[in-house]
Amino acid sequence: MNAEVECGIWDKEGICLVPIAYLEELPVYHRETIPSDYLDVMGHINIRWYMALFDKSMRQLFVSHGLTAAYISENQTGTFALKHVIHYYAEVRVGQNVAVRTRLLQRSDRRFHAMHFMINEATGQLASTQELMGTFADLQKRRATSIPPEIAAEFDVKLSADRQLDWEAPVSGVIKI
């Protein structure tokens, strides 16, 4: 196995935990060609842009599961970020295409736990992961609230599909719902 391309994440003993082929089973929620304004002085994208790319992916996951801008405005409910864990595996440079694939891991009445996988499509390498926890919020009270039933049902469909994958997400262990 080509260590840099065929495996996304290795363990400390050199065993491949997540082959790139497994990640390709996940839907792409955001794809982008990296522009020059994302560059830092080291010649690769600055860390703040990783967060922006992951955020765009999460926003698209929400939209595809019914949590559109119109829904948020009409219902005065949305989401707040609570925790992020980001790992960087390989650099991404200007002009390269990245695809962010997302897996929903679990949810409770109010919270959700997900993981993004950023693939550098130019190199075939896993560039970065972001594990996150968020909560639904009443946007008038600015407090956590239950996930609306129709959104929870959509999330449950995605959760069911993601739980059928025959590989464990490489979670940090830091995020607990």
N, C-alpha and C. Protein backbone atom coordinates (compact mmCIF):
# COMPACT_ATOMS: atom_id res chain seq x y z
N MET A 1 0.85 -1.19 0.00
CA MET A 1 0.00 0.00 0.00
C MET A 1 0.89 1.23 0.00
N ASN A 2 0.61 2.20 -0.88
CA ASN A 2 1.33 3.46 -0.91
C ASN A 2 0.90 4.26 0.31
N ALA A 3 1.81 4.44 1.24
CA ALA A 3 1.51 5.06 2.53
C ALA A 3 0.91 6.44 2.42
N GLU A 4 1.33 7.22 1.43
CA GLU A 4 0.88 8.59 1.35
C GLU A 4 -0.46 8.74 0.65
N VAL A 5 -0.81 7.84 -0.25
CA VAL A 5 -2.01 8.03 -1.04
C VAL A 5 -3.13 7.08 -0.64
N GLU A 6 -2.84 5.82 -0.42
CA GLU A 6 -3.91 4.85 -0.19
C GLU A 6 -4.43 4.82 1.23
N CYS A 7 -3.65 5.31 2.19
CA CYS A 7 -4.12 5.35 3.57
C CYS A 7 -4.29 6.80 4.01
N GLY A 8 -5.41 7.07 4.63
CA GLY A 8 -5.67 8.42 5.12
C GLY A 8 -5.09 8.64 6.51
N ILE A 9 -5.33 7.68 7.41
CA ILE A 9 -4.89 7.83 8.80
C ILE A 9 -4.26 6.53 9.28
N TRP A 10 -3.07 6.67 9.83
CA TRP A 10 -2.32 5.53 10.37
C TRP A 10 -2.34 5.58 11.89
N ASP A 11 -2.24 4.42 12.53
CA ASP A 11 -2.08 4.42 13.99
C ASP A 11 -0.59 4.44 14.32
N LYS A 12 -0.26 4.45 15.61
CA LYS A 12 1.13 4.56 16.06
C LYS A 12 1.97 3.34 15.68
N GLU A 13 1.32 2.21 15.45
CA GLU A 13 2.04 0.99 15.07
C GLU A 13 2.19 0.85 13.56
N GLY A 14 1.73 1.83 12.82
CA GLY A 14 1.87 1.78 11.37
C GLY A 14 0.76 1.01 10.66
N ILE A 15 -0.36 0.81 11.34
CA ILE A 15 -1.50 0.12 10.74
C ILE A 15 -2.46 1.18 10.20
N CYS A 16 -2.92 0.96 8.99
CA CYS A 16 -3.86 1.91 8.38
C CYS A 16 -5.21 1.80 9.07
N LEU A 17 -5.64 2.90 9.66
CA LEU A 17 -6.95 2.95 10.33
C LEU A 17 -8.07 3.28 9.35
N VAL A 18 -7.80 4.21 8.45
CA VAL A 18 -8.83 4.66 7.52
C VAL A 18 -8.23 4.82 6.12
N PRO A 19 -8.43 3.82 5.26
CA PRO A 19 -7.97 3.98 3.86
C PRO A 19 -8.76 5.08 3.16
N ILE A 20 -8.12 5.73 2.22
CA ILE A 20 -8.77 6.78 1.43
C ILE A 20 -10.04 6.24 0.77
N ALA A 21 -10.01 5.00 0.32
CA ALA A 21 -11.20 4.40 -0.32
C ALA A 21 -12.40 4.42 0.60
N TYR A 22 -12.19 4.25 1.90
CA TYR A 22 -13.31 4.32 2.85
C TYR A 22 -13.90 5.72 2.89
N LEU A 23 -13.02 6.72 2.87
CA LEU A 23 -13.50 8.11 2.93
C LEU A 23 -14.32 8.46 1.70
N GLU A 24 -13.99 7.83 0.58
CA GLU A 24 -14.73 8.11 -0.65
C GLU A 24 -16.16 7.59 -0.61
N GLU A 25 -16.50 6.79 0.41
CA GLU A 25 -17.88 6.34 0.59
C GLU A 25 -18.77 7.47 1.14
N LEU A 26 -18.15 8.48 1.71
CA LEU A 26 -18.90 9.59 2.31
C LEU A 26 -19.25 10.63 1.27
N PRO A 27 -20.39 11.29 1.43
CA PRO A 27 -20.76 12.35 0.48
C PRO A 27 -19.86 13.57 0.60
N VAL A 28 -19.64 14.22 -0.53
CA VAL A 28 -18.90 15.48 -0.55
C VAL A 28 -19.92 16.59 -0.32
N TYR A 29 -19.69 17.38 0.71
CA TYR A 29 -20.57 18.51 1.00
C TYR A 29 -19.95 19.84 0.59
N HIS A 30 -18.65 19.84 0.31
CA HIS A 30 -18.02 21.05 -0.20
C HIS A 30 -16.78 20.66 -1.02
N ARG A 31 -16.62 21.35 -2.14
CA ARG A 31 -15.44 21.16 -3.00
C ARG A 31 -14.98 22.55 -3.42
N GLU A 32 -13.67 22.76 -3.40
CA GLU A 32 -13.17 24.10 -3.73
C GLU A 32 -11.75 24.00 -4.27
N THR A 33 -11.44 24.89 -5.21
CA THR A 33 -10.06 25.09 -5.66
C THR A 33 -9.48 26.20 -4.79
N ILE A 34 -8.33 25.97 -4.22
CA ILE A 34 -7.75 26.90 -3.25
C ILE A 34 -7.21 28.14 -3.96
N PRO A 35 -7.75 29.34 -3.62
CA PRO A 35 -7.28 30.59 -4.23
C PRO A 35 -6.02 31.12 -3.52
N SER A 36 -5.36 32.05 -4.15
CA SER A 36 -4.11 32.58 -3.58
C SER A 36 -4.34 33.35 -2.29
N ASP A 37 -5.56 33.91 -2.07
CA ASP A 37 -5.77 34.64 -0.80
C ASP A 37 -5.78 33.72 0.41
N TYR A 38 -5.86 32.42 0.22
CA TYR A 38 -5.84 31.48 1.35
C TYR A 38 -4.40 31.20 1.82
N LEU A 39 -3.43 31.68 1.06
CA LEU A 39 -2.02 31.38 1.32
C LEU A 39 -1.50 32.08 2.57
N ASP A 40 -0.58 31.40 3.26
CA ASP A 40 0.14 32.06 4.34
C ASP A 40 1.60 32.20 3.92
N VAL A 41 2.45 32.68 4.82
CA VAL A 41 3.85 32.92 4.47
C VAL A 41 4.65 31.64 4.25
N MET A 42 4.09 30.48 4.63
CA MET A 42 4.77 29.21 4.39
C MET A 42 4.47 28.63 3.01
N GLY A 43 3.58 29.27 2.26
CA GLY A 43 3.28 28.82 0.91
C GLY A 43 2.18 27.78 0.82
N HIS A 44 1.45 27.57 1.92
CA HIS A 44 0.29 26.67 1.88
C HIS A 44 -0.88 27.40 2.54
N ILE A 45 -2.07 26.75 2.55
CA ILE A 45 -3.21 27.49 3.08
C ILE A 45 -3.09 27.68 4.59
N ASN A 46 -3.49 28.85 5.01
CA ASN A 46 -3.46 29.22 6.42
C ASN A 46 -4.52 28.44 7.19
N ILE A 47 -4.24 28.16 8.44
CA ILE A 47 -5.15 27.34 9.24
C ILE A 47 -6.56 27.90 9.34
N ARG A 48 -6.73 29.20 9.27
CA ARG A 48 -8.08 29.76 9.38
C ARG A 48 -8.97 29.31 8.23
N TRP A 49 -8.36 29.02 7.07
CA TRP A 49 -9.15 28.60 5.91
C TRP A 49 -9.62 27.17 6.03
N TYR A 50 -8.89 26.36 6.80
CA TYR A 50 -9.39 25.00 7.04
C TYR A 50 -10.75 25.09 7.75
N MET A 51 -10.82 25.95 8.75
CA MET A 51 -12.07 26.12 9.49
C MET A 51 -13.17 26.61 8.55
N ALA A 52 -12.85 27.53 7.66
CA ALA A 52 -13.84 28.05 6.71
C ALA A 52 -14.33 26.94 5.77
N LEU A 53 -13.41 26.11 5.30
CA LEU A 53 -13.79 25.02 4.40
C LEU A 53 -14.67 24.00 5.13
N PHE A 54 -14.31 23.67 6.36
CA PHE A 54 -15.13 22.74 7.14
C PHE A 54 -16.51 23.35 7.42
N ASP A 55 -16.54 24.64 7.70
CA ASP A 55 -17.81 25.32 7.96
C ASP A 55 -18.71 25.28 6.72
N LYS A 56 -18.14 25.49 5.55
CA LYS A 56 -18.94 25.42 4.32
C LYS A 56 -19.52 24.03 4.13
N SER A 57 -18.76 23.02 4.48
CA SER A 57 -19.25 21.64 4.37
C SER A 57 -20.40 21.40 5.34
N MET A 58 -20.26 21.86 6.57
CA MET A 58 -21.31 21.66 7.57
C MET A 58 -22.57 22.40 7.17
N ARG A 59 -22.40 23.61 6.64
CA ARG A 59 -23.57 24.39 6.19
C ARG A 59 -24.31 23.62 5.10
N GLN A 60 -23.57 23.02 4.17
CA GLN A 60 -24.23 22.28 3.09
C GLN A 60 -24.90 21.01 3.62
N LEU A 61 -24.28 20.36 4.60
CA LEU A 61 -24.94 19.20 5.23
C LEU A 61 -26.27 19.64 5.83
N PHE A 62 -26.25 20.77 6.54
CA PHE A 62 -27.49 21.28 7.13
C PHE A 62 -28.54 21.54 6.05
N VAL A 63 -28.15 22.25 5.00
CA VAL A 63 -29.09 22.58 3.93
C VAL A 63 -29.67 21.31 3.31
N SER A 64 -28.83 20.32 3.09
CA SER A 64 -29.31 19.09 2.46
C SER A 64 -30.22 18.27 3.37
N HIS A 65 -30.27 18.65 4.65
CA HIS A 65 -31.14 17.96 5.60
C HIS A 65 -32.24 18.88 6.13
N GLY A 66 -32.53 19.94 5.36
CA GLY A 66 -33.68 20.78 5.66
C GLY A 66 -33.41 22.05 6.44
N LEU A 67 -32.20 22.23 6.93
CA LEU A 67 -31.90 23.41 7.74
C LEU A 67 -31.36 24.52 6.83
N THR A 68 -32.24 25.06 6.03
CA THR A 68 -31.90 26.11 5.06
C THR A 68 -31.94 27.48 5.74
N ALA A 69 -31.46 28.49 5.03
CA ALA A 69 -31.53 29.85 5.56
C ALA A 69 -32.99 30.26 5.78
N ALA A 70 -33.87 29.86 4.88
CA ALA A 70 -35.30 30.18 5.03
C ALA A 70 -35.87 29.49 6.27
N TYR A 71 -35.53 28.23 6.48
CA TYR A 71 -36.01 27.49 7.65
C TYR A 71 -35.54 28.19 8.93
N ILE A 72 -34.27 28.56 8.96
CA ILE A 72 -33.70 29.22 10.14
C ILE A 72 -34.43 30.53 10.41
N SER A 73 -34.65 31.32 9.37
CA SER A 73 -35.34 32.60 9.51
C SER A 73 -36.79 32.43 9.96
N GLU A 74 -37.48 31.50 9.35
CA GLU A 74 -38.90 31.28 9.67
C GLU A 74 -39.11 30.70 11.07
N ASN A 75 -38.21 29.83 11.48
CA ASN A 75 -38.38 29.12 12.75
C ASN A 75 -37.54 29.66 13.90
N GLN A 76 -36.66 30.60 13.59
CA GLN A 76 -35.76 31.18 14.59
C GLN A 76 -35.03 30.10 15.39
N THR A 77 -34.58 29.09 14.64
CA THR A 77 -33.76 28.03 15.24
C THR A 77 -32.57 27.80 14.34
N GLY A 78 -31.44 27.50 14.93
CA GLY A 78 -30.21 27.27 14.17
C GLY A 78 -29.25 26.45 15.00
N THR A 79 -27.99 26.60 14.73
CA THR A 79 -26.99 25.82 15.45
C THR A 79 -25.88 26.71 15.98
N PHE A 80 -25.29 26.27 17.07
CA PHE A 80 -24.10 26.91 17.64
C PHE A 80 -23.01 25.86 17.72
N ALA A 81 -21.80 26.25 17.39
CA ALA A 81 -20.65 25.36 17.53
C ALA A 81 -20.25 25.31 19.00
N LEU A 82 -19.90 24.12 19.48
CA LEU A 82 -19.48 23.96 20.88
C LEU A 82 -18.03 23.51 21.02
N LYS A 83 -17.57 22.66 20.10
CA LYS A 83 -16.22 22.13 20.25
C LYS A 83 -15.72 21.65 18.89
N HIS A 84 -14.42 21.88 18.63
CA HIS A 84 -13.78 21.40 17.41
C HIS A 84 -12.43 20.78 17.75
N VAL A 85 -12.10 19.70 17.07
CA VAL A 85 -10.77 19.09 17.16
C VAL A 85 -10.29 18.93 15.72
N ILE A 86 -9.21 19.63 15.37
CA ILE A 86 -8.69 19.59 14.01
C ILE A 86 -7.32 18.92 14.00
N HIS A 87 -7.13 18.05 13.03
CA HIS A 87 -5.83 17.41 12.80
C HIS A 87 -5.41 17.74 11.37
N TYR A 88 -4.12 18.04 11.21
CA TYR A 88 -3.56 18.34 9.90
C TYR A 88 -2.62 17.20 9.51
N TYR A 89 -2.81 16.63 8.32
CA TYR A 89 -2.02 15.48 7.88
C TYR A 89 -1.10 15.79 6.71
N ALA A 90 -1.53 16.62 5.78
CA ALA A 90 -0.73 16.94 4.60
C ALA A 90 -1.12 18.34 4.13
N GLU A 91 -0.14 19.09 3.67
CA GLU A 91 -0.43 20.46 3.28
C GLU A 91 -1.27 20.54 2.02
N VAL A 92 -1.94 21.67 1.90
CA VAL A 92 -2.73 21.99 0.72
C VAL A 92 -2.19 23.31 0.19
N ARG A 93 -2.00 23.37 -1.13
CA ARG A 93 -1.40 24.55 -1.73
C ARG A 93 -2.36 25.21 -2.71
N VAL A 94 -2.03 26.41 -3.09
CA VAL A 94 -2.85 27.19 -4.02
C VAL A 94 -3.03 26.43 -5.33
N GLY A 95 -4.26 26.47 -5.83
CA GLY A 95 -4.59 25.84 -7.09
C GLY A 95 -5.01 24.39 -6.97
N GLN A 96 -4.81 23.80 -5.78
CA GLN A 96 -5.22 22.42 -5.59
C GLN A 96 -6.71 22.36 -5.23
N ASN A 97 -7.35 21.29 -5.64
CA ASN A 97 -8.77 21.08 -5.32
C ASN A 97 -8.88 20.24 -4.06
N VAL A 98 -9.78 20.65 -3.18
CA VAL A 98 -10.07 19.85 -2.00
C VAL A 98 -11.55 19.49 -2.00
N ALA A 99 -11.84 18.33 -1.43
CA ALA A 99 -13.22 17.89 -1.24
C ALA A 99 -13.38 17.58 0.24
N VAL A 100 -14.44 18.09 0.84
CA VAL A 100 -14.72 17.82 2.25
C VAL A 100 -15.89 16.85 2.31
N ARG A 101 -15.61 15.69 2.89
CA ARG A 101 -16.61 14.63 3.06
C ARG A 101 -16.98 14.59 4.54
N THR A 102 -18.25 14.35 4.82
CA THR A 102 -18.71 14.49 6.20
C THR A 102 -19.49 13.27 6.65
N ARG A 103 -19.21 12.89 7.88
CA ARG A 103 -19.88 11.74 8.51
C ARG A 103 -20.55 12.22 9.79
N LEU A 104 -21.84 11.94 9.93
CA LEU A 104 -22.55 12.24 11.17
C LEU A 104 -22.35 11.05 12.10
N LEU A 105 -21.89 11.31 13.31
CA LEU A 105 -21.52 10.23 14.23
C LEU A 105 -22.60 9.91 15.25
N GLN A 106 -23.21 10.93 15.81
CA GLN A 106 -24.27 10.70 16.80
C GLN A 106 -25.02 12.00 17.04
N ARG A 107 -26.16 11.85 17.70
CA ARG A 107 -26.91 13.04 18.11
C ARG A 107 -27.66 12.71 19.39
N SER A 108 -28.00 13.76 20.09
CA SER A 108 -28.89 13.64 21.25
C SER A 108 -30.10 14.51 20.94
N ASP A 109 -30.89 14.80 21.94
CA ASP A 109 -32.06 15.66 21.76
C ASP A 109 -31.65 17.05 21.26
N ARG A 110 -30.49 17.55 21.71
CA ARG A 110 -30.07 18.90 21.37
C ARG A 110 -28.78 18.97 20.55
N ARG A 111 -27.90 18.01 20.74
CA ARG A 111 -26.55 18.11 20.18
C ARG A 111 -26.30 17.12 19.05
N PHE A 112 -25.27 17.42 18.28
CA PHE A 112 -24.84 16.52 17.21
C PHE A 112 -23.31 16.46 17.21
N HIS A 113 -22.80 15.34 16.74
CA HIS A 113 -21.37 15.05 16.69
C HIS A 113 -21.08 14.59 15.27
N ALA A 114 -20.13 15.24 14.61
CA ALA A 114 -19.83 14.92 13.22
C ALA A 114 -18.32 14.97 13.00
N MET A 115 -17.91 14.48 11.84
CA MET A 115 -16.49 14.52 11.47
C MET A 115 -16.37 14.81 9.99
N HIS A 116 -15.51 15.78 9.69
CA HIS A 116 -15.20 16.15 8.31
C HIS A 116 -13.83 15.56 7.94
N PHE A 117 -13.71 15.17 6.68
CA PHE A 117 -12.47 14.64 6.14
C PHE A 117 -12.15 15.45 4.88
N MET A 118 -11.05 16.23 4.91
CA MET A 118 -10.67 17.04 3.76
C MET A 118 -9.63 16.27 2.94
N ILE A 119 -10.01 15.96 1.70
CA ILE A 119 -9.13 15.24 0.78
C ILE A 119 -8.55 16.23 -0.22
N ASN A 120 -7.23 16.21 -0.37
CA ASN A 120 -6.58 16.99 -1.41
C ASN A 120 -6.69 16.16 -2.68
N GLU A 121 -7.56 16.57 -3.57
CA GLU A 121 -7.81 15.79 -4.78
C GLU A 121 -6.64 15.81 -5.75
N ALA A 122 -5.75 16.79 -5.62
CA ALA A 122 -4.57 16.86 -6.49
C ALA A 122 -3.55 15.78 -6.12
N THR A 123 -3.47 15.45 -4.83
CA THR A 123 -2.47 14.48 -4.37
C THR A 123 -3.09 13.14 -3.96
N GLY A 124 -4.41 13.14 -3.73
CA GLY A 124 -5.07 11.93 -3.24
C GLY A 124 -4.88 11.70 -1.76
N GLN A 125 -4.32 12.68 -1.05
CA GLN A 125 -4.04 12.54 0.37
C GLN A 125 -5.14 13.15 1.24
N LEU A 126 -5.30 12.58 2.42
CA LEU A 126 -6.12 13.21 3.45
C LEU A 126 -5.32 14.39 3.97
N ALA A 127 -5.87 15.58 3.85
CA ALA A 127 -5.17 16.79 4.27
C ALA A 127 -5.45 17.11 5.74
N SER A 128 -6.71 16.92 6.16
CA SER A 128 -7.10 17.35 7.49
C SER A 128 -8.42 16.70 7.89
N THR A 129 -8.65 16.62 9.19
CA THR A 129 -9.94 16.21 9.71
C THR A 129 -10.40 17.24 10.73
N GLN A 130 -11.70 17.34 10.86
CA GLN A 130 -12.28 18.15 11.92
C GLN A 130 -13.40 17.34 12.55
N GLU A 131 -13.27 17.11 13.84
CA GLU A 131 -14.33 16.49 14.61
C GLU A 131 -15.03 17.64 15.33
N LEU A 132 -16.34 17.60 15.39
CA LEU A 132 -17.05 18.72 15.99
C LEU A 132 -18.28 18.29 16.76
N MET A 133 -18.67 19.15 17.68
CA MET A 133 -19.93 19.02 18.38
C MET A 133 -20.63 20.37 18.30
N GLY A 134 -21.92 20.32 18.01
CA GLY A 134 -22.71 21.53 17.98
C GLY A 134 -24.03 21.28 18.69
N THR A 135 -24.75 22.35 18.88
CA THR A 135 -26.06 22.25 19.50
C THR A 135 -27.07 23.06 18.70
N PHE A 136 -28.30 22.63 18.74
CA PHE A 136 -29.37 23.44 18.17
C PHE A 136 -29.68 24.53 19.17
N ALA A 137 -30.15 25.67 18.65
CA ALA A 137 -30.38 26.82 19.52
C ALA A 137 -31.63 27.57 19.09
N ASP A 138 -32.32 28.07 20.08
CA ASP A 138 -33.43 29.00 19.88
C ASP A 138 -32.76 30.35 19.64
N LEU A 139 -32.93 30.91 18.46
CA LEU A 139 -32.20 32.12 18.10
C LEU A 139 -32.80 33.38 18.71
N GLN A 140 -33.98 33.29 19.30
CA GLN A 140 -34.53 34.44 20.02
C GLN A 140 -34.00 34.46 21.45
N LYS A 141 -34.02 33.30 22.09
CA LYS A 141 -33.54 33.20 23.48
C LYS A 141 -32.02 33.07 23.55
N ARG A 142 -31.39 32.67 22.43
CA ARG A 142 -29.95 32.45 22.35
C ARG A 142 -29.51 31.37 23.33
N ARG A 143 -30.33 30.31 23.40
CA ARG A 143 -30.08 29.18 24.30
C ARG A 143 -30.25 27.87 23.53
N ALA A 144 -29.58 26.84 24.02
CA ALA A 144 -29.73 25.51 23.42
C ALA A 144 -31.18 25.05 23.50
N THR A 145 -31.60 24.32 22.49
CA THR A 145 -32.96 23.80 22.43
C THR A 145 -32.94 22.46 21.71
N SER A 146 -34.03 21.77 21.76
CA SER A 146 -34.14 20.47 21.08
C SER A 146 -34.05 20.64 19.56
N ILE A 147 -33.50 19.63 18.92
CA ILE A 147 -33.47 19.60 17.46
C ILE A 147 -34.92 19.47 16.99
N PRO A 148 -35.36 20.34 16.09
CA PRO A 148 -36.74 20.23 15.60
C PRO A 148 -37.00 18.83 15.03
N PRO A 149 -38.19 18.28 15.27
CA PRO A 149 -38.49 16.91 14.86
C PRO A 149 -38.22 16.60 13.39
N GLU A 150 -38.57 17.55 12.51
CA GLU A 150 -38.36 17.28 11.08
C GLU A 150 -36.86 17.26 10.72
N ILE A 151 -36.04 18.05 11.41
CA ILE A 151 -34.59 18.04 11.18
C ILE A 151 -33.99 16.79 11.84
N ALA A 152 -34.47 16.45 13.04
CA ALA A 152 -34.00 15.23 13.72
C ALA A 152 -34.26 14.00 12.85
N ALA A 153 -35.42 13.96 12.21
CA ALA A 153 -35.74 12.82 11.34
C ALA A 153 -34.77 12.74 10.17
N GLU A 154 -34.43 13.88 9.58
CA GLU A 154 -33.45 13.92 8.49
C GLU A 154 -32.07 13.47 8.98
N PHE A 155 -31.66 13.97 10.14
CA PHE A 155 -30.38 13.56 10.73
C PHE A 155 -30.37 12.06 10.99
N ASP A 156 -31.49 11.52 11.46
CA ASP A 156 -31.55 10.09 11.76
C ASP A 156 -31.37 9.24 10.51
N VAL A 157 -31.86 9.71 9.38
CA VAL A 157 -31.65 8.99 8.12
C VAL A 157 -30.16 8.96 7.79
N LYS A 158 -29.50 10.11 7.92
CA LYS A 158 -28.05 10.17 7.66
C LYS A 158 -27.28 9.33 8.66
N LEU A 159 -27.65 9.42 9.93
CA LEU A 159 -26.99 8.62 10.96
C LEU A 159 -27.10 7.13 10.65
N SER A 160 -28.27 6.70 10.27
CA SER A 160 -28.49 5.30 9.94
C SER A 160 -27.57 4.86 8.80
N ALA A 161 -27.47 5.69 7.77
CA ALA A 161 -26.59 5.37 6.64
C ALA A 161 -25.13 5.36 7.08
N ASP A 162 -24.72 6.35 7.86
CA ASP A 162 -23.33 6.43 8.28
C ASP A 162 -22.96 5.31 9.25
N ARG A 163 -23.91 4.83 10.00
CA ARG A 163 -23.64 3.71 10.91
C ARG A 163 -23.50 2.38 10.18
N GLN A 164 -23.91 2.33 8.92
CA GLN A 164 -23.76 1.12 8.11
C GLN A 164 -22.34 0.97 7.57
N LEU A 165 -21.55 2.04 7.65
CA LEU A 165 -20.16 1.96 7.19
C LEU A 165 -19.42 0.95 8.05
N ASP A 166 -18.54 0.19 7.44
CA ASP A 166 -17.86 -0.86 8.20
C ASP A 166 -16.49 -0.42 8.72
N TRP A 167 -16.38 0.87 9.06
CA TRP A 167 -15.14 1.38 9.65
C TRP A 167 -15.49 2.43 10.71
N GLU A 168 -14.67 2.45 11.72
CA GLU A 168 -14.88 3.40 12.82
C GLU A 168 -14.26 4.74 12.45
N ALA A 169 -14.96 5.80 12.75
CA ALA A 169 -14.38 7.14 12.57
C ALA A 169 -13.26 7.31 13.59
N PRO A 170 -12.16 7.91 13.19
CA PRO A 170 -11.02 8.09 14.10
C PRO A 170 -11.21 9.28 15.04
N VAL A 171 -12.17 9.14 15.96
CA VAL A 171 -12.51 10.24 16.86
C VAL A 171 -11.43 10.46 17.91
N SER A 172 -11.41 11.65 18.45
CA SER A 172 -10.39 12.04 19.43
C SER A 172 -10.65 11.47 20.81
N GLY A 173 -11.91 11.22 21.13
CA GLY A 173 -12.27 10.82 22.48
C GLY A 173 -12.57 12.01 23.38
N VAL A 174 -12.38 13.21 22.85
CA VAL A 174 -12.58 14.44 23.62
C VAL A 174 -14.05 14.85 23.61
N ILE A 175 -14.75 14.53 22.53
CA ILE A 175 -16.13 14.99 22.38
C ILE A 175 -17.09 13.90 22.82
N LYS A 176 -17.93 14.26 23.76
CA LYS A 176 -18.97 13.35 24.28
C LYS A 176 -20.30 14.06 24.18
N ILE A 177 -21.29 13.37 23.66
CA ILE A 177 -22.64 13.96 23.55
C ILE A 177 -23.37 13.67 24.87
